[in-house]
């Protein structure tokens, strides 16, 4: 199981959305759009949760890379 990190390579502000996208295996743009829409609809609650997430989720180590070996039967 992969550990959740803030991304060093797919980062716009803090790398939290990029890291979450890597962890979930989906496109980071989709996560960013969902966060923006949720922030607008929640009157700032999502912004507070985002900031707390930035403090709690560690930055990916320098040697961290996302590599999943191919499946061989």
C-alpha atoms as a PDB file:
ATOM      1  CA  UNK A   1       0.000   0.000   0.000  1.00  0.00           C
ATOM      2  CA  UNK A   2       1.331   3.416  -0.948  1.00  0.00           C
ATOM      3  CA  UNK A   3       1.845   6.091   1.674  1.00  0.00           C
ATOM      4  CA  UNK A   4       0.279   9.513   1.179  1.00  0.00           C
ATOM      5  CA  UNK A   5       2.819  12.279   0.539  1.00  0.00           C
ATOM      6  CA  UNK A   6       2.626  15.818  -0.778  1.00  0.00           C
ATOM      7  CA  UNK A   7       4.006  15.669  -4.300  1.00  0.00           C
ATOM      8  CA  UNK A   8       7.309  17.302  -5.210  1.00  0.00           C
ATOM      9  CA  UNK A   9       6.771  16.930  -8.954  1.00  0.00           C
ATOM     10  CA  UNK A  10       3.034  17.646  -9.382  1.00  0.00           C
ATOM     11  CA  UNK A  11       2.737  20.722  -7.189  1.00  0.00           C
ATOM     12  CA  UNK A  12       0.845  23.978  -7.758  1.00  0.00           C
ATOM     13  CA  UNK A  13       0.611  25.340  -4.190  1.00  0.00           C
ATOM     14  CA  UNK A  14       1.764  22.784  -1.649  1.00  0.00           C
ATOM     15  CA  UNK A  15       1.627  19.495  -3.565  1.00  0.00           C
ATOM     16  CA  UNK A  16      -1.281  18.132  -1.516  1.00  0.00           C
ATOM     17  CA  UNK A  17      -3.670  17.673  -4.456  1.00  0.00           C
ATOM     18  CA  UNK A  18      -0.893  16.187  -6.597  1.00  0.00           C
ATOM     19  CA  UNK A  19       0.061  13.756  -3.840  1.00  0.00           C
ATOM     20  CA  UNK A  20      -3.553  12.798  -3.237  1.00  0.00           C
ATOM     21  CA  UNK A  21      -3.999  12.176  -6.962  1.00  0.00           C
ATOM     22  CA  UNK A  22      -0.894   9.953  -7.065  1.00  0.00           C
ATOM     23  CA  UNK A  23      -2.134   8.057  -4.012  1.00  0.00           C
ATOM     24  CA  UNK A  24      -5.602   7.535  -5.529  1.00  0.00           C
ATOM     25  CA  UNK A  25      -4.266   6.874  -9.033  1.00  0.00           C
ATOM     26  CA  UNK A  26      -6.288   9.607 -10.744  1.00  0.00           C
ATOM     27  CA  UNK A  27      -5.592  12.865 -12.563  1.00  0.00           C
ATOM     28  CA  UNK A  28      -4.453  15.740 -10.311  1.00  0.00           C
ATOM     29  CA  UNK A  29      -6.558  18.225 -12.287  1.00  0.00           C
ATOM     30  CA  UNK A  30      -9.714  16.417 -11.209  1.00  0.00           C
ATOM     31  CA  UNK A  31      -8.691  16.662  -7.536  1.00  0.00           C
ATOM     32  CA  UNK A  32      -7.867  20.361  -7.930  1.00  0.00           C
ATOM     33  CA  UNK A  33     -11.214  21.085  -9.582  1.00  0.00           C
ATOM     34  CA  UNK A  34     -13.075  19.229  -6.835  1.00  0.00           C
ATOM     35  CA  UNK A  35     -11.181  21.159  -4.154  1.00  0.00           C
ATOM     36  CA  UNK A  36     -11.932  24.532  -5.774  1.00  0.00           C
ATOM     37  CA  UNK A  37     -15.624  23.722  -6.238  1.00  0.00           C
ATOM     38  CA  UNK A  38     -15.878  22.377  -2.689  1.00  0.00           C
ATOM     39  CA  UNK A  39     -14.076  25.446  -1.305  1.00  0.00           C
ATOM     40  CA  UNK A  40     -16.532  27.763  -3.044  1.00  0.00           C
ATOM     41  CA  UNK A  41     -19.546  25.782  -1.821  1.00  0.00           C
ATOM     42  CA  UNK A  42     -18.324  25.299   1.764  1.00  0.00           C
ATOM     43  CA  UNK A  43     -17.656  28.958   2.599  1.00  0.00           C
ATOM     44  CA  UNK A  44     -14.016  28.264   3.455  1.00  0.00           C
ATOM     45  CA  UNK A  45     -14.309  25.035   5.400  1.00  0.00           C
ATOM     46  CA  UNK A  46     -12.448  23.098   2.696  1.00  0.00           C
ATOM     47  CA  UNK A  47      -9.692  25.734   2.701  1.00  0.00           C
ATOM     48  CA  UNK A  48      -9.213  25.118   6.434  1.00  0.00           C
ATOM     49  CA  UNK A  49      -9.163  21.339   5.889  1.00  0.00           C
ATOM     50  CA  UNK A  50      -6.649  21.836   3.032  1.00  0.00           C
ATOM     51  CA  UNK A  51      -4.352  23.866   5.285  1.00  0.00           C
ATOM     52  CA  UNK A  52      -4.556  21.258   8.045  1.00  0.00           C
ATOM     53  CA  UNK A  53      -3.779  18.562   5.454  1.00  0.00           C
ATOM     54  CA  UNK A  54      -0.718  20.512   4.333  1.00  0.00           C
ATOM     55  CA  UNK A  55       0.539  20.499   7.899  1.00  0.00           C
ATOM     56  CA  UNK A  56      -0.189  16.811   8.559  1.00  0.00           C
ATOM     57  CA  UNK A  57       0.819  15.164   5.256  1.00  0.00           C
ATOM     58  CA  UNK A  58       4.606  15.030   4.851  1.00  0.00           C
ATOM     59  CA  UNK A  59       6.448  16.116   1.711  1.00  0.00           C
ATOM     60  CA  UNK A  60       7.615  13.211  -0.443  1.00  0.00           C
ATOM     61  CA  UNK A  61      11.239  12.198   0.143  1.00  0.00           C
ATOM     62  CA  UNK A  62      13.779  13.314  -2.456  1.00  0.00           C
ATOM     63  CA  UNK A  63      14.230   9.761  -3.777  1.00  0.00           C
ATOM     64  CA  UNK A  64      10.477   8.998  -3.853  1.00  0.00           C
ATOM     65  CA  UNK A  65       9.110   8.014  -7.246  1.00  0.00           C
ATOM     66  CA  UNK A  66       5.878   6.413  -8.318  1.00  0.00           C
ATOM     67  CA  UNK A  67       6.788   3.105  -9.927  1.00  0.00           C
ATOM     68  CA  UNK A  68       4.579   0.091 -10.007  1.00  0.00           C
ATOM     69  CA  UNK A  69       6.237  -2.946 -11.541  1.00  0.00           C
ATOM     70  CA  UNK A  70       4.290  -4.609 -14.338  1.00  0.00           C
ATOM     71  CA  UNK A  71       2.203  -7.612 -13.440  1.00  0.00           C
ATOM     72  CA  UNK A  72       3.570 -10.933 -14.661  1.00  0.00           C
ATOM     73  CA  UNK A  73       1.462 -14.066 -14.532  1.00  0.00           C
END
